[in-house]
Amino acid sequence: MPTRVLIADDQAMVRAGFRLILEGEPDIEVVGEAADGDQAVRLARELRPDVTLMDIRMPGVDGLRATELLAGPDVPDPLHVVMVTTFGLDENVHAALRAGACGFLLKDAGPNLLVEAVHAAAHGEALVSPAITTRLLAHFTRATSRPAPETPLTPRELDVVKAVARGATNDEICRSLVVSLPTVKTHIGAVKRKLGARNRTEIAIWAWESGLVH
């Protein structure tokens, strides 16, 4: 089955460009377009796409509120939302990740990264380019006295958390720690359970806010 995508952006040219790129992929299907947040929420709830590409700044209900309604911590069956914006260091992006977005993409990131972000989100992963991850989280998070998880992370799990916080992919973590891919996935799954994190982005936020990464 193809990955079903909803595109939400108030600019028709952006929606058309994203559609052109995504429909060029044999395993991706664009199932709808929304020009504002209200329409995005309504269509997403109706169509239940695998991934929603959500612009942050839209008229009416903006992308932040729309994301919270679709993927927030109080949503019983959250959808996968990837935030798309023009601004690489917009403080709203941090708020969007807090609201439940599983990824973050700049509009000028290029076709390949757009496709990769859709595939990653569809599989429950987060794609945020390493440069954006480190700039964004370092800029907007501060070391705080966050409570430690009830079950402490092992030294190897902490190594994996640090790598995730720096934007490393699973393959890159395998190479740097000299472990297998199943081992990396096992560590990430354990970290998610211990931290109560839903995705890699929340793991990264925890690492930066805890002062684990500088």
C-alpha atoms as a PDB file:
ATOM      1  CA  MET A   1       0.000   0.000   0.000  1.00  0.00           C
ATOM      2  CA  PRO A   2       1.340   3.473  -0.832  1.00  0.00           C
ATOM      3  CA  THR A   3       2.044   6.011   1.897  1.00  0.00           C
ATOM      4  CA  ARG A   4      -0.925   8.387   1.970  1.00  0.00           C
ATOM      5  CA  VAL A   5      -0.060  12.082   2.430  1.00  0.00           C
ATOM      6  CA  LEU A   6      -2.105  15.200   3.188  1.00  0.00           C
ATOM      7  CA  ILE A   7      -0.500  18.560   2.298  1.00  0.00           C
ATOM      8  CA  ALA A   8      -1.485  21.592   4.399  1.00  0.00           C
ATOM      9  CA  ASP A   9      -0.138  24.979   3.293  1.00  0.00           C
ATOM     10  CA  ASP A  10      -1.814  28.307   2.591  1.00  0.00           C
ATOM     11  CA  GLN A  11       0.259  28.829  -0.575  1.00  0.00           C
ATOM     12  CA  ALA A  12      -1.134  27.061  -3.629  1.00  0.00           C
ATOM     13  CA  MET A  13       2.270  27.023  -5.340  1.00  0.00           C
ATOM     14  CA  VAL A  14       3.864  25.247  -2.371  1.00  0.00           C
ATOM     15  CA  ARG A  15       1.108  22.631  -2.326  1.00  0.00           C
ATOM     16  CA  ALA A  16       1.471  22.104  -6.063  1.00  0.00           C
ATOM     17  CA  GLY A  17       5.242  21.757  -5.771  1.00  0.00           C
ATOM     18  CA  PHE A  18       5.016  19.231  -2.955  1.00  0.00           C
ATOM     19  CA  ARG A  19       2.362  17.263  -4.838  1.00  0.00           C
ATOM     20  CA  LEU A  20       4.524  17.161  -7.965  1.00  0.00           C
ATOM     21  CA  ILE A  21       7.498  15.822  -6.002  1.00  0.00           C
ATOM     22  CA  LEU A  22       5.576  13.273  -3.972  1.00  0.00           C
ATOM     23  CA  GLU A  23       3.441  11.936  -6.795  1.00  0.00           C
ATOM     24  CA  GLY A  24       6.647  11.219  -8.693  1.00  0.00           C
ATOM     25  CA  GLU A  25       7.311   8.480  -6.130  1.00  0.00           C
ATOM     26  CA  PRO A  26       5.697   5.103  -6.878  1.00  0.00           C
ATOM     27  CA  ASP A  27       4.985   4.383  -3.199  1.00  0.00           C
ATOM     28  CA  ILE A  28       3.474   7.753  -2.194  1.00  0.00           C
ATOM     29  CA  GLU A  29      -0.074   8.979  -2.821  1.00  0.00           C
ATOM     30  CA  VAL A  30      -1.285  12.528  -2.106  1.00  0.00           C
ATOM     31  CA  VAL A  31      -4.827  12.101  -0.794  1.00  0.00           C
ATOM     32  CA  GLY A  32      -5.716  15.731  -0.157  1.00  0.00           C
ATOM     33  CA  GLU A  33      -4.737  19.378   0.201  1.00  0.00           C
ATOM     34  CA  ALA A  34      -5.671  21.960   2.821  1.00  0.00           C
ATOM     35  CA  ALA A  35      -5.265  25.736   2.592  1.00  0.00           C
ATOM     36  CA  ASP A  36      -5.617  26.478   6.319  1.00  0.00           C
ATOM     37  CA  GLY A  37      -5.490  24.813   9.708  1.00  0.00           C
ATOM     38  CA  ASP A  38      -9.240  24.262  10.052  1.00  0.00           C
ATOM     39  CA  GLN A  39      -9.372  22.431   6.751  1.00  0.00           C
ATOM     40  CA  ALA A  40      -6.218  20.473   7.617  1.00  0.00           C
ATOM     41  CA  VAL A  41      -7.705  19.179  10.866  1.00  0.00           C
ATOM     42  CA  ARG A  42     -11.021  18.287   9.229  1.00  0.00           C
ATOM     43  CA  LEU A  43      -9.445  16.479   6.277  1.00  0.00           C
ATOM     44  CA  ALA A  44      -6.867  14.694   8.415  1.00  0.00           C
ATOM     45  CA  ARG A  45      -9.550  13.353  10.733  1.00  0.00           C
ATOM     46  CA  GLU A  46     -11.670  12.314   7.767  1.00  0.00           C
ATOM     47  CA  LEU A  47      -8.949  10.800   5.564  1.00  0.00           C
ATOM     48  CA  ARG A  48      -6.560   9.491   8.276  1.00  0.00           C
ATOM     49  CA  PRO A  49      -3.448   9.969   6.113  1.00  0.00           C
ATOM     50  CA  ASP A  50      -0.211   8.206   7.025  1.00  0.00           C
ATOM     51  CA  VAL A  51       1.569  11.581   7.062  1.00  0.00           C
ATOM     52  CA  THR A  52       0.396  15.196   7.152  1.00  0.00           C
ATOM     53  CA  LEU A  53       2.792  17.876   5.937  1.00  0.00           C
ATOM     54  CA  MET A  54       1.816  20.926   7.997  1.00  0.00           C
ATOM     55  CA  ASP A  55       2.870  24.515   7.426  1.00  0.00           C
ATOM     56  CA  ILE A  56       3.406  26.410  10.684  1.00  0.00           C
ATOM     57  CA  ARG A  57       1.955  29.749   9.633  1.00  0.00           C
ATOM     58  CA  MET A  58      -1.534  29.600   8.164  1.00  0.00           C
ATOM     59  CA  PRO A  59      -4.653  31.749   8.520  1.00  0.00           C
ATOM     60  CA  GLY A  60      -7.311  30.809  11.070  1.00  0.00           C
ATOM     61  CA  VAL A  61      -6.120  27.818  13.073  1.00  0.00           C
ATOM     62  CA  ASP A  62      -2.363  27.847  12.590  1.00  0.00           C
ATOM     63  CA  GLY A  63      -0.158  24.814  12.117  1.00  0.00           C
ATOM     64  CA  LEU A  64       0.770  24.650  15.797  1.00  0.00           C
ATOM     65  CA  ARG A  65      -2.795  24.327  17.020  1.00  0.00           C
ATOM     66  CA  ALA A  66      -3.703  22.012  14.146  1.00  0.00           C
ATOM     67  CA  THR A  67      -0.781  19.750  15.052  1.00  0.00           C
ATOM     68  CA  GLU A  68      -1.819  19.702  18.702  1.00  0.00           C
ATOM     69  CA  LEU A  69      -5.348  18.695  17.688  1.00  0.00           C
ATOM     70  CA  LEU A  70      -4.066  15.883  15.472  1.00  0.00           C
ATOM     71  CA  ALA A  71      -0.976  14.643  17.299  1.00  0.00           C
ATOM     72  CA  GLY A  72      -0.935  16.213  20.756  1.00  0.00           C
ATOM     73  CA  PRO A  73      -0.378  14.293  23.995  1.00  0.00           C
ATOM     74  CA  ASP A  74      -4.131  14.196  24.689  1.00  0.00           C
ATOM     75  CA  VAL A  75      -5.034  12.712  21.286  1.00  0.00           C
ATOM     76  CA  PRO A  76      -5.955   9.008  21.759  1.00  0.00           C
ATOM     77  CA  ASP A  77      -4.936   7.949  18.239  1.00  0.00           C
ATOM     78  CA  PRO A  78      -2.413  10.577  17.077  1.00  0.00           C
ATOM     79  CA  LEU A  79      -1.489  11.090  13.453  1.00  0.00           C
ATOM     80  CA  HIS A  80       2.002  11.577  12.078  1.00  0.00           C
ATOM     81  CA  VAL A  81       2.608  15.273  11.395  1.00  0.00           C
ATOM     82  CA  VAL A  82       5.734  16.750   9.815  1.00  0.00           C
ATOM     83  CA  MET A  83       6.069  20.505  10.249  1.00  0.00           C
ATOM     84  CA  VAL A  84       7.209  22.450   7.198  1.00  0.00           C
ATOM     85  CA  THR A  85       8.386  26.041   7.494  1.00  0.00           C
ATOM     86  CA  THR A  86      10.488  28.730   5.865  1.00  0.00           C
ATOM     87  CA  PHE A  87      12.161  29.680   9.127  1.00  0.00           C
ATOM     88  CA  GLY A  88      14.973  27.432  10.361  1.00  0.00           C
ATOM     89  CA  LEU A  89      15.119  28.948  13.836  1.00  0.00           C
ATOM     90  CA  ASP A  90      11.514  29.917  14.374  1.00  0.00           C
ATOM     91  CA  GLU A  91      10.673  29.417  18.058  1.00  0.00           C
ATOM     92  CA  ASN A  92       7.332  28.044  16.897  1.00  0.00           C
ATOM     93  CA  VAL A  93       9.147  24.977  15.599  1.00  0.00           C
ATOM     94  CA  HIS A  94      10.138  24.016  19.125  1.00  0.00           C
ATOM     95  CA  ALA A  95       6.528  24.497  20.185  1.00  0.00           C
ATOM     96  CA  ALA A  96       5.449  22.304  17.269  1.00  0.00           C
ATOM     97  CA  LEU A  97       7.677  19.469  18.401  1.00  0.00           C
ATOM     98  CA  ARG A  98       6.186  19.861  21.850  1.00  0.00           C
ATOM     99  CA  ALA A  99       2.709  19.722  20.285  1.00  0.00           C
ATOM    100  CA  GLY A 100       3.405  16.290  18.858  1.00  0.00           C
ATOM    101  CA  ALA A 101       5.036  16.827  15.470  1.00  0.00           C
ATOM    102  CA  CYS A 102       7.323  13.934  14.617  1.00  0.00           C
ATOM    103  CA  GLY A 103       9.564  15.843  12.228  1.00  0.00           C
ATOM    104  CA  PHE A 104      10.648  19.234  10.994  1.00  0.00           C
ATOM    105  CA  LEU A 105      11.510  20.266   7.465  1.00  0.00           C
ATOM    106  CA  LEU A 106      12.483  23.500   5.759  1.00  0.00           C
ATOM    107  CA  LYS A 107      10.566  24.308   2.586  1.00  0.00           C
ATOM    108  CA  ASP A 108      13.812  24.605   0.651  1.00  0.00           C
ATOM    109  CA  ALA A 109      15.197  21.285   1.945  1.00  0.00           C
ATOM    110  CA  GLY A 110      14.918  19.737  -1.517  1.00  0.00           C
ATOM    111  CA  PRO A 111      12.926  16.872  -3.061  1.00  0.00           C
ATOM    112  CA  ASN A 112      15.035  14.038  -1.645  1.00  0.00           C
ATOM    113  CA  LEU A 113      14.731  15.179   1.961  1.00  0.00           C
ATOM    114  CA  LEU A 114      11.001  15.773   1.537  1.00  0.00           C
ATOM    115  CA  VAL A 115      10.507  12.200   0.357  1.00  0.00           C
ATOM    116  CA  GLU A 116      12.755  10.849   3.125  1.00  0.00           C
ATOM    117  CA  ALA A 117      10.821  12.811   5.756  1.00  0.00           C
ATOM    118  CA  VAL A 118       7.514  11.358   4.540  1.00  0.00           C
ATOM    119  CA  HIS A 119       8.864   7.806   4.594  1.00  0.00           C
ATOM    120  CA  ALA A 120      10.390   8.280   8.053  1.00  0.00           C
ATOM    121  CA  ALA A 121       7.206   9.745   9.537  1.00  0.00           C
ATOM    122  CA  ALA A 122       5.083   6.966   8.040  1.00  0.00           C
ATOM    123  CA  HIS A 123       7.194   4.451   9.959  1.00  0.00           C
ATOM    124  CA  GLY A 124       6.945   6.375  13.207  1.00  0.00           C
ATOM    125  CA  GLU A 125      10.407   7.909  12.983  1.00  0.00           C
ATOM    126  CA  ALA A 126      11.407  11.555  12.888  1.00  0.00           C
ATOM    127  CA  LEU A 127      13.557  13.114  10.213  1.00  0.00           C
ATOM    128  CA  VAL A 128      15.151  16.389  11.166  1.00  0.00           C
ATOM    129  CA  SER A 129      18.404  17.148   9.423  1.00  0.00           C
ATOM    130  CA  PRO A 130      21.362  17.096  11.830  1.00  0.00           C
ATOM    131  CA  ALA A 131      22.249  20.739  11.253  1.00  0.00           C
ATOM    132  CA  ILE A 132      18.710  21.868  11.997  1.00  0.00           C
ATOM    133  CA  THR A 133      18.407  19.569  15.003  1.00  0.00           C
ATOM    134  CA  THR A 134      21.464  20.923  16.743  1.00  0.00           C
ATOM    135  CA  ARG A 135      20.791  24.577  15.885  1.00  0.00           C
ATOM    136  CA  LEU A 136      17.140  24.393  16.832  1.00  0.00           C
ATOM    137  CA  LEU A 137      17.436  22.548  20.111  1.00  0.00           C
ATOM    138  CA  ALA A 138      20.571  24.354  21.233  1.00  0.00           C
ATOM    139  CA  HIS A 139      18.907  27.691  20.516  1.00  0.00           C
ATOM    140  CA  PHE A 140      15.587  27.082  22.227  1.00  0.00           C
ATOM    141  CA  THR A 141      16.302  24.628  25.053  1.00  0.00           C
ATOM    142  CA  ARG A 142      18.096  25.259  28.294  1.00  0.00           C
ATOM    143  CA  ALA A 143      19.482  22.796  30.806  1.00  0.00           C
ATOM    144  CA  THR A 144      16.764  22.341  33.400  1.00  0.00           C
ATOM    145  CA  SER A 145      16.250  20.148  36.435  1.00  0.00           C
ATOM    146  CA  ARG A 146      14.113  17.594  34.642  1.00  0.00           C
ATOM    147  CA  PRO A 147      13.256  14.536  36.732  1.00  0.00           C
ATOM    148  CA  ALA A 148      15.341  11.472  35.974  1.00  0.00           C
ATOM    149  CA  PRO A 149      13.451   8.472  34.561  1.00  0.00           C
ATOM    150  CA  GLU A 150      12.280   5.971  37.168  1.00  0.00           C
ATOM    151  CA  THR A 151      14.397   3.310  35.497  1.00  0.00           C
ATOM    152  CA  PRO A 152      17.864   4.770  34.821  1.00  0.00           C
ATOM    153  CA  LEU A 153      19.258   4.633  31.306  1.00  0.00           C
ATOM    154  CA  THR A 154      22.221   2.325  30.826  1.00  0.00           C
ATOM    155  CA  PRO A 155      25.559   3.783  29.653  1.00  0.00           C
ATOM    156  CA  ARG A 156      24.958   2.392  26.161  1.00  0.00           C
ATOM    157  CA  GLU A 157      21.445   3.820  26.056  1.00  0.00           C
ATOM    158  CA  LEU A 158      22.881   7.210  27.021  1.00  0.00           C
ATOM    159  CA  ASP A 159      25.340   6.928  24.123  1.00  0.00           C
ATOM    160  CA  VAL A 160      22.432   6.281  21.777  1.00  0.00           C
ATOM    161  CA  VAL A 161      20.450   9.207  23.228  1.00  0.00           C
ATOM    162  CA  LYS A 162      23.386  11.571  22.657  1.00  0.00           C
ATOM    163  CA  ALA A 163      23.679  10.401  19.064  1.00  0.00           C
ATOM    164  CA  VAL A 164      19.958  10.834  18.446  1.00  0.00           C
ATOM    165  CA  ALA A 165      20.115  14.342  19.960  1.00  0.00           C
ATOM    166  CA  ARG A 166      22.827  15.250  17.472  1.00  0.00           C
ATOM    167  CA  GLY A 167      20.648  14.093  14.582  1.00  0.00           C
ATOM    168  CA  ALA A 168      22.390  10.801  13.802  1.00  0.00           C
ATOM    169  CA  THR A 169      20.507   8.188  11.806  1.00  0.00           C
ATOM    170  CA  ASN A 170      20.324   4.554  12.922  1.00  0.00           C
ATOM    171  CA  ASP A 171      22.994   3.592  10.379  1.00  0.00           C
ATOM    172  CA  GLU A 172      25.300   6.330  11.649  1.00  0.00           C
ATOM    173  CA  ILE A 173      24.761   5.173  15.240  1.00  0.00           C
ATOM    174  CA  CYS A 174      25.614   1.611  14.178  1.00  0.00           C
ATOM    175  CA  ARG A 175      28.920   2.771  12.718  1.00  0.00           C
ATOM    176  CA  SER A 176      29.899   5.092  15.570  1.00  0.00           C
ATOM    177  CA  LEU A 177      29.082   2.613  18.354  1.00  0.00           C
ATOM    178  CA  VAL A 178      30.060  -0.492  16.361  1.00  0.00           C
ATOM    179  CA  VAL A 179      26.772  -2.284  17.007  1.00  0.00           C
ATOM    180  CA  SER A 180      24.142  -3.909  14.805  1.00  0.00           C
ATOM    181  CA  LEU A 181      20.987  -2.199  13.540  1.00  0.00           C
ATOM    182  CA  PRO A 182      18.668  -4.438  15.629  1.00  0.00           C
ATOM    183  CA  THR A 183      20.698  -3.494  18.706  1.00  0.00           C
ATOM    184  CA  VAL A 184      20.278   0.213  17.989  1.00  0.00           C
ATOM    185  CA  LYS A 185      16.541  -0.232  17.512  1.00  0.00           C
ATOM    186  CA  THR A 186      16.336  -2.181  20.778  1.00  0.00           C
ATOM    187  CA  HIS A 187      18.149   0.599  22.648  1.00  0.00           C
ATOM    188  CA  ILE A 188      15.912   3.286  21.145  1.00  0.00           C
ATOM    189  CA  GLY A 189      12.803   1.302  22.060  1.00  0.00           C
ATOM    190  CA  ALA A 190      14.042   0.942  25.650  1.00  0.00           C
ATOM    191  CA  VAL A 191      14.819   4.658  25.855  1.00  0.00           C
ATOM    192  CA  LYS A 192      11.339   5.556  24.598  1.00  0.00           C
ATOM    193  CA  ARG A 193       9.750   3.404  27.276  1.00  0.00           C
ATOM    194  CA  LYS A 194      11.913   4.763  30.086  1.00  0.00           C
ATOM    195  CA  LEU A 195      11.444   8.413  29.080  1.00  0.00           C
ATOM    196  CA  GLY A 196       7.823   8.109  27.986  1.00  0.00           C
ATOM    197  CA  ALA A 197       8.891   9.536  24.620  1.00  0.00           C
ATOM    198  CA  ARG A 198       6.825   8.943  21.510  1.00  0.00           C
ATOM    199  CA  ASN A 199       9.565   9.472  18.941  1.00  0.00           C
ATOM    200  CA  ARG A 200      13.202  10.396  18.346  1.00  0.00           C
ATOM    201  CA  THR A 201      12.444  14.100  18.470  1.00  0.00           C
ATOM    202  CA  GLU A 202      11.172  13.860  22.042  1.00  0.00           C
ATOM    203  CA  ILE A 203      14.286  11.869  22.954  1.00  0.00           C
ATOM    204  CA  ALA A 204      16.421  14.674  21.513  1.00  0.00           C
ATOM    205  CA  ILE A 205      14.494  17.349  23.401  1.00  0.00           C
ATOM    206  CA  TRP A 206      14.925  15.413  26.649  1.00  0.00           C
ATOM    207  CA  ALA A 207      18.670  15.126  26.029  1.00  0.00           C
ATOM    208  CA  TRP A 208      19.119  18.846  25.373  1.00  0.00           C
ATOM    209  CA  GLU A 209      16.894  19.987  28.229  1.00  0.00           C
ATOM    210  CA  SER A 210      18.626  17.618  30.625  1.00  0.00           C
ATOM    211  CA  GLY A 211      22.027  19.021  29.738  1.00  0.00           C
ATOM    212  CA  LEU A 212      23.170  15.671  28.357  1.00  0.00           C
ATOM    213  CA  VAL A 213      24.193  17.353  25.097  1.00  0.00           C
ATOM    214  CA  HIS A 214      25.697  20.820  24.754  1.00  0.00           C
END
